N, C-alpha and C. Protein backbone atom coordinates (compact mmCIF):
# COMPACT_ATOMS: atom_id res chain seq x y z
N MET A 1 0.85 -1.18 0.00
CA MET A 1 0.00 0.00 0.00
C MET A 1 0.89 1.24 0.00
N GLU A 2 0.55 2.19 -0.85
CA GLU A 2 1.35 3.40 -0.97
C GLU A 2 1.07 4.37 0.18
N ILE A 3 2.04 5.21 0.46
CA ILE A 3 1.86 6.24 1.49
C ILE A 3 0.74 7.16 1.05
N GLY A 4 -0.16 7.43 1.93
CA GLY A 4 -1.28 8.32 1.64
C GLY A 4 -2.50 7.61 1.09
N SER A 5 -2.36 6.34 0.72
CA SER A 5 -3.54 5.62 0.24
C SER A 5 -4.36 5.14 1.44
N VAL A 6 -5.62 4.98 1.21
CA VAL A 6 -6.52 4.58 2.28
C VAL A 6 -6.85 3.11 2.09
N GLY A 7 -6.65 2.31 3.12
CA GLY A 7 -6.99 0.89 3.07
C GLY A 7 -8.31 0.64 3.74
N TYR A 8 -8.82 -0.55 3.51
CA TYR A 8 -10.09 -0.94 4.12
C TYR A 8 -9.88 -1.23 5.60
N GLN A 9 -10.77 -0.71 6.43
CA GLN A 9 -10.75 -1.03 7.85
C GLN A 9 -12.15 -1.47 8.24
N ARG A 10 -12.23 -2.67 8.80
CA ARG A 10 -13.51 -3.21 9.21
C ARG A 10 -14.08 -2.42 10.37
N HIS A 11 -15.38 -2.23 10.36
CA HIS A 11 -16.08 -1.58 11.47
C HIS A 11 -16.39 -2.64 12.52
N TYR A 12 -16.44 -2.24 13.74
CA TYR A 12 -16.75 -3.13 14.86
C TYR A 12 -17.97 -2.59 15.60
N PRO A 13 -19.18 -2.88 15.10
CA PRO A 13 -20.38 -2.31 15.71
C PRO A 13 -20.52 -2.67 17.19
N GLU A 14 -20.03 -3.86 17.56
CA GLU A 14 -20.15 -4.31 18.95
C GLU A 14 -19.34 -3.44 19.92
N GLN A 15 -18.49 -2.57 19.40
CA GLN A 15 -17.70 -1.70 20.26
C GLN A 15 -18.32 -0.32 20.45
N THR A 16 -19.47 -0.07 19.80
CA THR A 16 -20.12 1.22 19.96
C THR A 16 -20.97 1.22 21.23
N LEU A 17 -21.14 2.37 21.82
CA LEU A 17 -21.93 2.49 23.04
C LEU A 17 -23.38 2.06 22.83
N LEU A 18 -23.99 2.50 21.74
CA LEU A 18 -25.38 2.13 21.48
C LEU A 18 -25.53 0.62 21.37
N TYR A 19 -24.65 -0.04 20.64
CA TYR A 19 -24.72 -1.49 20.50
C TYR A 19 -24.61 -2.16 21.87
N GLN A 20 -23.68 -1.71 22.68
CA GLN A 20 -23.46 -2.31 23.99
C GLN A 20 -24.68 -2.13 24.89
N ILE A 21 -25.32 -0.98 24.80
CA ILE A 21 -26.53 -0.73 25.60
C ILE A 21 -27.67 -1.65 25.16
N VAL A 22 -27.88 -1.74 23.85
CA VAL A 22 -28.96 -2.59 23.34
C VAL A 22 -28.67 -4.06 23.67
N GLU A 23 -27.44 -4.50 23.44
CA GLU A 23 -27.09 -5.89 23.70
C GLU A 23 -27.28 -6.25 25.18
N ARG A 24 -26.96 -5.32 26.04
CA ARG A 24 -27.05 -5.60 27.48
C ARG A 24 -28.48 -5.54 28.00
N HIS A 25 -29.26 -4.57 27.56
CA HIS A 25 -30.57 -4.33 28.18
C HIS A 25 -31.76 -4.86 27.39
N TYR A 26 -31.62 -5.11 26.10
CA TYR A 26 -32.76 -5.58 25.31
C TYR A 26 -33.32 -6.91 25.82
N PRO A 27 -32.49 -7.93 26.09
CA PRO A 27 -33.06 -9.20 26.58
C PRO A 27 -33.85 -9.03 27.88
N ALA A 28 -33.36 -8.22 28.80
CA ALA A 28 -34.06 -8.00 30.07
C ALA A 28 -35.37 -7.25 29.83
N PHE A 29 -35.37 -6.34 28.88
CA PHE A 29 -36.58 -5.59 28.55
C PHE A 29 -37.64 -6.54 27.99
N VAL A 30 -37.24 -7.43 27.09
CA VAL A 30 -38.17 -8.41 26.52
C VAL A 30 -38.71 -9.32 27.62
N GLU A 31 -37.84 -9.75 28.51
CA GLU A 31 -38.27 -10.61 29.63
C GLU A 31 -39.24 -9.86 30.54
N HIS A 32 -38.96 -8.60 30.82
CA HIS A 32 -39.84 -7.77 31.65
C HIS A 32 -41.24 -7.68 31.01
N LEU A 33 -41.27 -7.46 29.71
CA LEU A 33 -42.56 -7.41 29.02
C LEU A 33 -43.29 -8.74 29.12
N ALA A 34 -42.55 -9.85 28.93
CA ALA A 34 -43.15 -11.18 29.00
C ALA A 34 -43.74 -11.45 30.38
N ASP A 35 -43.03 -11.02 31.43
CA ASP A 35 -43.53 -11.19 32.80
C ASP A 35 -44.84 -10.43 33.01
N ALA A 36 -45.02 -9.34 32.27
CA ALA A 36 -46.24 -8.55 32.37
C ALA A 36 -47.30 -9.01 31.37
N GLY A 37 -47.00 -10.12 30.65
CA GLY A 37 -47.96 -10.65 29.68
C GLY A 37 -48.01 -9.86 28.40
N LYS A 38 -46.96 -9.15 28.09
CA LYS A 38 -46.92 -8.32 26.88
C LYS A 38 -45.72 -8.74 26.04
N GLN A 39 -45.72 -8.26 24.79
CA GLN A 39 -44.57 -8.48 23.93
C GLN A 39 -44.47 -7.36 22.91
N LEU A 40 -43.29 -7.20 22.38
CA LEU A 40 -43.08 -6.20 21.35
C LEU A 40 -43.71 -6.69 20.04
N PRO A 41 -44.15 -5.77 19.19
CA PRO A 41 -44.64 -6.18 17.87
C PRO A 41 -43.52 -6.91 17.11
N GLY A 42 -43.90 -7.82 16.23
CA GLY A 42 -42.94 -8.61 15.48
C GLY A 42 -41.91 -7.78 14.73
N HIS A 43 -42.36 -6.68 14.10
CA HIS A 43 -41.41 -5.87 13.32
C HIS A 43 -40.38 -5.18 14.22
N VAL A 44 -40.74 -4.91 15.46
CA VAL A 44 -39.79 -4.29 16.40
C VAL A 44 -38.77 -5.33 16.85
N ARG A 45 -39.24 -6.53 17.16
CA ARG A 45 -38.30 -7.62 17.52
C ARG A 45 -37.34 -7.90 16.38
N GLN A 46 -37.87 -7.96 15.16
CA GLN A 46 -37.02 -8.21 13.99
C GLN A 46 -35.98 -7.10 13.82
N ALA A 47 -36.37 -5.86 14.07
CA ALA A 47 -35.43 -4.75 13.93
C ALA A 47 -34.31 -4.84 14.96
N PHE A 48 -34.65 -5.18 16.21
CA PHE A 48 -33.62 -5.34 17.23
C PHE A 48 -32.70 -6.51 16.92
N ASP A 49 -33.28 -7.64 16.50
CA ASP A 49 -32.47 -8.81 16.18
C ASP A 49 -31.53 -8.51 15.01
N ALA A 50 -32.04 -7.84 13.99
CA ALA A 50 -31.20 -7.47 12.84
C ALA A 50 -30.09 -6.52 13.27
N TYR A 51 -30.41 -5.57 14.13
CA TYR A 51 -29.40 -4.62 14.61
C TYR A 51 -28.27 -5.34 15.34
N LEU A 52 -28.62 -6.31 16.17
CA LEU A 52 -27.60 -7.03 16.94
C LEU A 52 -26.76 -7.97 16.07
N GLN A 53 -27.23 -8.30 14.88
CA GLN A 53 -26.45 -9.14 13.97
C GLN A 53 -25.72 -8.33 12.91
N CYS A 54 -26.11 -7.10 12.74
CA CYS A 54 -25.57 -6.25 11.68
C CYS A 54 -24.06 -6.03 11.82
N GLY A 55 -23.33 -6.31 10.76
CA GLY A 55 -21.90 -6.02 10.74
C GLY A 55 -21.05 -7.00 11.53
N ARG A 56 -21.62 -8.07 12.00
CA ARG A 56 -20.88 -9.07 12.79
C ARG A 56 -20.48 -10.23 11.89
N LEU A 57 -19.20 -10.56 11.85
CA LEU A 57 -18.70 -11.62 10.97
C LEU A 57 -19.37 -12.96 11.24
N GLU A 58 -19.68 -13.24 12.49
CA GLU A 58 -20.27 -14.54 12.82
C GLU A 58 -21.69 -14.71 12.27
N HIS A 59 -22.26 -13.65 11.72
CA HIS A 59 -23.60 -13.73 11.15
C HIS A 59 -23.57 -13.68 9.63
N GLY A 60 -22.42 -13.85 9.04
CA GLY A 60 -22.28 -13.91 7.59
C GLY A 60 -21.38 -12.82 7.06
N PHE A 61 -20.63 -13.16 6.03
CA PHE A 61 -19.69 -12.20 5.45
C PHE A 61 -19.32 -12.60 4.03
N LEU A 62 -18.72 -11.65 3.33
CA LEU A 62 -18.11 -11.88 2.03
C LEU A 62 -16.61 -11.87 2.20
N ARG A 63 -15.93 -12.73 1.47
CA ARG A 63 -14.47 -12.68 1.44
C ARG A 63 -14.12 -12.00 0.11
N LEU A 64 -13.52 -10.82 0.20
CA LEU A 64 -13.16 -10.05 -0.98
C LEU A 64 -11.67 -10.21 -1.26
N ARG A 65 -11.31 -10.36 -2.53
CA ARG A 65 -9.91 -10.53 -2.90
C ARG A 65 -9.61 -9.67 -4.11
N CYS A 66 -8.54 -8.91 -4.04
CA CYS A 66 -8.09 -8.09 -5.16
C CYS A 66 -7.31 -8.99 -6.11
N ASP A 67 -7.72 -9.01 -7.38
CA ASP A 67 -7.04 -9.84 -8.38
C ASP A 67 -5.65 -9.33 -8.69
N THR A 68 -5.36 -8.07 -8.41
CA THR A 68 -4.06 -7.49 -8.71
C THR A 68 -3.05 -7.76 -7.60
N CYS A 69 -3.38 -7.36 -6.38
CA CYS A 69 -2.41 -7.49 -5.28
C CYS A 69 -2.70 -8.69 -4.38
N HIS A 70 -3.84 -9.36 -4.59
CA HIS A 70 -4.24 -10.55 -3.84
C HIS A 70 -4.55 -10.27 -2.36
N ALA A 71 -4.74 -9.01 -2.01
CA ALA A 71 -5.14 -8.68 -0.64
C ALA A 71 -6.56 -9.21 -0.42
N GLU A 72 -6.82 -9.74 0.77
CA GLU A 72 -8.13 -10.26 1.09
C GLU A 72 -8.70 -9.53 2.30
N HIS A 73 -10.00 -9.32 2.26
CA HIS A 73 -10.70 -8.68 3.38
C HIS A 73 -12.01 -9.40 3.60
N LEU A 74 -12.46 -9.43 4.83
CA LEU A 74 -13.78 -9.97 5.16
C LEU A 74 -14.73 -8.79 5.32
N LEU A 75 -15.84 -8.85 4.65
CA LEU A 75 -16.84 -7.79 4.70
C LEU A 75 -18.11 -8.36 5.30
N ALA A 76 -18.40 -7.97 6.53
CA ALA A 76 -19.59 -8.48 7.23
C ALA A 76 -20.85 -7.97 6.56
N PHE A 77 -21.89 -8.83 6.53
CA PHE A 77 -23.17 -8.40 6.00
C PHE A 77 -23.74 -7.30 6.88
N SER A 78 -24.37 -6.34 6.25
CA SER A 78 -25.05 -5.30 7.03
C SER A 78 -26.48 -5.77 7.27
N CYS A 79 -27.20 -5.06 8.11
CA CYS A 79 -28.57 -5.47 8.43
C CYS A 79 -29.50 -5.27 7.23
N LYS A 80 -29.04 -4.60 6.19
CA LYS A 80 -29.87 -4.39 5.01
C LYS A 80 -29.58 -5.41 3.92
N VAL A 81 -28.62 -6.31 4.18
CA VAL A 81 -28.26 -7.33 3.20
C VAL A 81 -28.35 -8.68 3.88
N SER A 82 -29.14 -9.56 3.32
CA SER A 82 -29.24 -10.89 3.92
C SER A 82 -28.20 -11.80 3.29
N ALA A 83 -27.85 -12.84 4.00
CA ALA A 83 -26.87 -13.80 3.50
C ALA A 83 -27.48 -14.54 2.31
N TYR A 84 -26.72 -14.65 1.25
CA TYR A 84 -27.17 -15.37 0.08
C TYR A 84 -25.97 -16.00 -0.59
N LYS A 85 -26.23 -16.89 -1.51
CA LYS A 85 -25.15 -17.57 -2.21
C LYS A 85 -25.22 -17.20 -3.69
N SER A 86 -24.06 -17.10 -4.29
CA SER A 86 -23.95 -16.75 -5.68
C SER A 86 -22.57 -17.17 -6.15
N PRO A 87 -22.38 -17.40 -7.44
CA PRO A 87 -21.03 -17.72 -7.89
C PRO A 87 -20.12 -16.50 -7.73
N PRO A 88 -18.79 -16.73 -7.66
CA PRO A 88 -17.87 -15.59 -7.55
C PRO A 88 -18.11 -14.61 -8.69
N LEU A 89 -17.94 -13.34 -8.42
CA LEU A 89 -18.13 -12.32 -9.44
C LEU A 89 -17.08 -11.24 -9.30
N THR A 90 -16.88 -10.50 -10.38
CA THR A 90 -15.94 -9.39 -10.36
C THR A 90 -16.74 -8.12 -10.20
N LEU A 91 -16.27 -7.24 -9.33
CA LEU A 91 -16.96 -5.98 -9.11
C LEU A 91 -16.69 -5.06 -10.30
N PRO A 92 -17.72 -4.43 -10.87
CA PRO A 92 -17.56 -3.58 -12.04
C PRO A 92 -16.56 -2.45 -11.80
N GLY A 93 -15.70 -2.21 -12.77
CA GLY A 93 -14.77 -1.09 -12.70
C GLY A 93 -13.63 -1.29 -11.73
N SER A 94 -13.36 -2.51 -11.32
CA SER A 94 -12.26 -2.73 -10.39
C SER A 94 -11.63 -4.08 -10.65
N ASN A 95 -10.52 -4.31 -10.00
CA ASN A 95 -9.87 -5.60 -10.08
C ASN A 95 -10.25 -6.49 -8.91
N ALA A 96 -11.16 -6.02 -8.08
CA ALA A 96 -11.56 -6.79 -6.90
C ALA A 96 -12.63 -7.79 -7.29
N SER A 97 -12.56 -8.96 -6.73
CA SER A 97 -13.61 -9.95 -6.98
C SER A 97 -14.05 -10.56 -5.66
N ILE A 98 -15.23 -11.08 -5.67
CA ILE A 98 -15.75 -11.77 -4.49
C ILE A 98 -15.41 -13.23 -4.70
N SER A 99 -14.47 -13.72 -3.89
CA SER A 99 -14.00 -15.09 -4.10
C SER A 99 -14.90 -16.12 -3.45
N SER A 100 -15.60 -15.75 -2.41
CA SER A 100 -16.54 -16.70 -1.82
C SER A 100 -17.55 -15.93 -0.98
N MET A 101 -18.70 -16.55 -0.83
CA MET A 101 -19.72 -15.98 0.03
C MET A 101 -20.01 -17.00 1.11
N VAL A 102 -20.15 -16.52 2.31
CA VAL A 102 -20.40 -17.41 3.42
C VAL A 102 -21.70 -17.00 4.07
N SER A 103 -22.58 -17.94 4.25
CA SER A 103 -23.86 -17.65 4.89
C SER A 103 -23.68 -17.62 6.39
N ALA A 104 -24.71 -17.24 7.08
CA ALA A 104 -24.66 -17.18 8.54
C ALA A 104 -24.36 -18.55 9.15
N SER A 105 -24.67 -19.62 8.42
CA SER A 105 -24.41 -20.95 8.94
C SER A 105 -22.95 -21.36 8.79
N GLY A 106 -22.19 -20.57 8.01
CA GLY A 106 -20.77 -20.86 7.84
C GLY A 106 -20.46 -21.70 6.63
N SER A 107 -21.47 -22.10 5.86
CA SER A 107 -21.20 -22.88 4.66
C SER A 107 -20.98 -21.96 3.48
N SER A 108 -20.26 -22.43 2.49
CA SER A 108 -20.03 -21.61 1.29
C SER A 108 -20.55 -22.28 0.06
């Protein structure tokens, strides 16, 4: 990598304050509601569950490889992209290709 060039740096959502608060208190909140005979609407539960999985490698990722320099990076799925399978492809206008896709189950 040349001086002054910007490389890819993975984000770590689990290190943000908001993520830590939700991860710590959401389960107790759901349990509190259940004890009172209530529950969150399905779309709210889905949003919280997606948020807690968003950007985490253990919930699915792409392995990206540059065809020129052979550098590899893992790109975690975001909460707006679900895990899916597809043959390897080359990204338009670049030498980068997706060498494999891994679903949340870990299979490729």
